Amino acid sequence: MTTLLPKDADSNIIPVLRLKTGGAHTISATASSARNSTGFSEDTQVVSLYATGPVYVKFGASTVTAANTDHYFPEGIYYDFAISGGDSKGPHFTHVAVIAAGSNCTVYISEKE
């Protein structure tokens, strides 16, 4: 298969996406649920998260809220999340809600294209 994507030392394709212009979001995570104020673009399928402290995260629509029963996301990890089911396999999430799992912190989100 021909590809323009870079390959690692074992010739495995490395999936790479660009940072989307205007697609940077920041959320202050506290004891109360907070979410990105501007929704993700309809054509964004992947977002990356980085948190300066541990948080609970939940993806959804503009009314999504996070709770301490949602998915735990540790601090200091940069991770990609799919936000679109594609081919009608699921909803396209426009927001992510976070709640601090300890001290207040900051969550950085980058839309990718």
Protein backbone atom coordinates (compact mmCIF):
# COMPACT_ATOMS: atom_id res chain seq x y z
CA MET A 1 0.00 0.00 0.00
CA THR A 2 1.39 3.40 -0.97
CA THR A 3 1.20 6.11 1.68
CA LEU A 4 2.53 9.61 2.22
CA LEU A 5 2.50 9.13 5.98
CA PRO A 6 5.83 8.70 7.78
CA LYS A 7 7.00 5.21 8.82
CA ASP A 8 8.87 4.04 11.91
CA ALA A 9 12.07 1.94 11.93
CA ASP A 10 9.98 -1.22 11.36
CA SER A 11 8.17 0.34 8.36
CA ASN A 12 4.92 0.70 10.33
CA ILE A 13 2.86 3.69 9.26
CA ILE A 14 2.75 6.46 11.87
CA PRO A 15 -0.68 8.14 11.76
CA VAL A 16 -0.14 11.89 11.86
CA LEU A 17 -2.66 14.70 11.93
CA ARG A 18 -2.10 18.45 11.88
CA LEU A 19 -3.15 20.82 14.63
CA LYS A 20 -6.24 22.66 13.41
CA THR A 21 -5.94 26.43 13.12
CA GLY A 22 -8.31 27.94 15.70
CA GLY A 23 -8.81 24.52 17.31
CA ALA A 24 -7.08 25.11 20.65
CA HIS A 25 -9.25 24.94 23.78
CA THR A 26 -8.48 25.34 27.48
CA ILE A 27 -10.67 24.26 30.39
CA SER A 28 -10.09 25.07 34.06
CA ALA A 29 -10.88 21.87 35.96
CA THR A 30 -12.26 22.35 39.46
CA ALA A 31 -14.63 20.45 41.77
CA SER A 32 -17.50 21.48 39.45
CA SER A 33 -17.97 20.20 35.91
CA ALA A 34 -16.72 22.52 33.15
CA ARG A 35 -16.65 22.12 29.36
CA ASN A 36 -15.19 23.84 26.32
CA SER A 37 -17.19 26.97 25.53
CA THR A 38 -16.79 26.65 21.76
CA GLY A 39 -17.80 23.35 20.20
CA PHE A 40 -15.44 21.25 18.13
CA SER A 41 -15.70 21.75 14.39
CA GLU A 42 -18.03 19.36 12.56
CA ASP A 43 -15.14 18.11 10.44
CA THR A 44 -12.85 17.41 13.43
CA GLN A 45 -12.61 13.68 14.11
CA VAL A 46 -9.75 13.61 16.63
CA VAL A 47 -8.84 15.78 19.62
CA SER A 48 -5.80 15.56 21.87
CA LEU A 49 -5.99 16.15 25.61
CA TYR A 50 -3.32 17.10 28.12
CA ALA A 51 -4.10 17.78 31.77
CA THR A 52 -1.84 19.39 34.38
CA GLY A 53 -3.63 17.37 37.06
CA PRO A 54 -5.83 14.26 37.16
CA VAL A 55 -9.39 14.73 35.87
CA TYR A 56 -12.54 12.83 34.96
CA VAL A 57 -13.67 13.37 31.36
CA LYS A 58 -16.87 12.88 29.41
CA PHE A 59 -17.49 13.68 25.74
CA GLY A 60 -20.89 14.72 24.44
CA ALA A 61 -23.05 17.57 23.18
CA SER A 62 -23.16 21.18 24.39
CA THR A 63 -24.88 20.14 27.63
CA VAL A 64 -22.46 17.37 28.66
CA THR A 65 -21.35 17.35 32.30
CA ALA A 66 -18.61 15.33 33.96
CA ALA A 67 -18.84 13.44 37.25
CA ASN A 68 -16.35 11.51 39.37
CA THR A 69 -17.84 8.30 37.94
CA ASP A 70 -16.70 9.16 34.40
CA HIS A 71 -13.44 8.14 32.75
CA TYR A 72 -10.34 8.97 34.75
CA PHE A 73 -7.60 10.79 32.84
CA PRO A 74 -4.21 11.12 34.56
CA GLU A 75 -2.04 14.20 34.59
CA GLY A 76 0.90 14.64 32.29
CA ILE A 77 -0.36 12.36 29.49
CA TYR A 78 -0.89 13.61 25.92
CA TYR A 79 -3.58 11.41 24.36
CA ASP A 80 -5.70 11.39 21.19
CA PHE A 81 -9.44 10.72 21.33
CA ALA A 82 -11.80 10.02 18.41
CA ILE A 83 -14.85 12.30 18.67
CA SER A 84 -16.69 11.10 15.59
CA GLY A 85 -18.13 7.66 14.92
CA GLY A 86 -17.75 8.16 11.18
CA ASP A 87 -19.96 6.40 8.64
CA SER A 88 -22.98 6.77 10.97
CA LYS A 89 -21.36 4.52 13.61
CA GLY A 90 -21.94 7.01 16.37
CA PRO A 91 -22.48 10.65 17.26
CA HIS A 92 -20.02 13.45 16.61
CA PHE A 93 -19.10 14.89 19.99
CA THR A 94 -18.83 18.67 20.08
CA HIS A 95 -17.75 19.14 23.69
CA VAL A 96 -15.73 17.57 26.48
CA ALA A 97 -16.56 18.10 30.14
CA VAL A 98 -14.00 17.73 32.91
CA ILE A 99 -13.98 17.69 36.69
CA ALA A 100 -10.83 17.72 38.80
CA ALA A 101 -9.92 14.41 40.46
CA GLY A 102 -7.71 16.26 42.95
CA SER A 103 -6.46 19.83 42.99
CA ASN A 104 -7.66 22.37 40.44
CA CYS A 105 -5.79 22.10 37.15
CA THR A 106 -5.90 23.00 33.48
CA VAL A 107 -6.91 20.77 30.56
CA TYR A 108 -5.60 21.63 27.12
CA ILE A 109 -7.48 20.33 24.06
CA SER A 110 -6.24 20.44 20.46
CA GLU A 111 -8.45 19.69 17.50
CA LYS A 112 -6.66 17.76 14.77
CA GLU A 113 -7.25 17.56 11.03
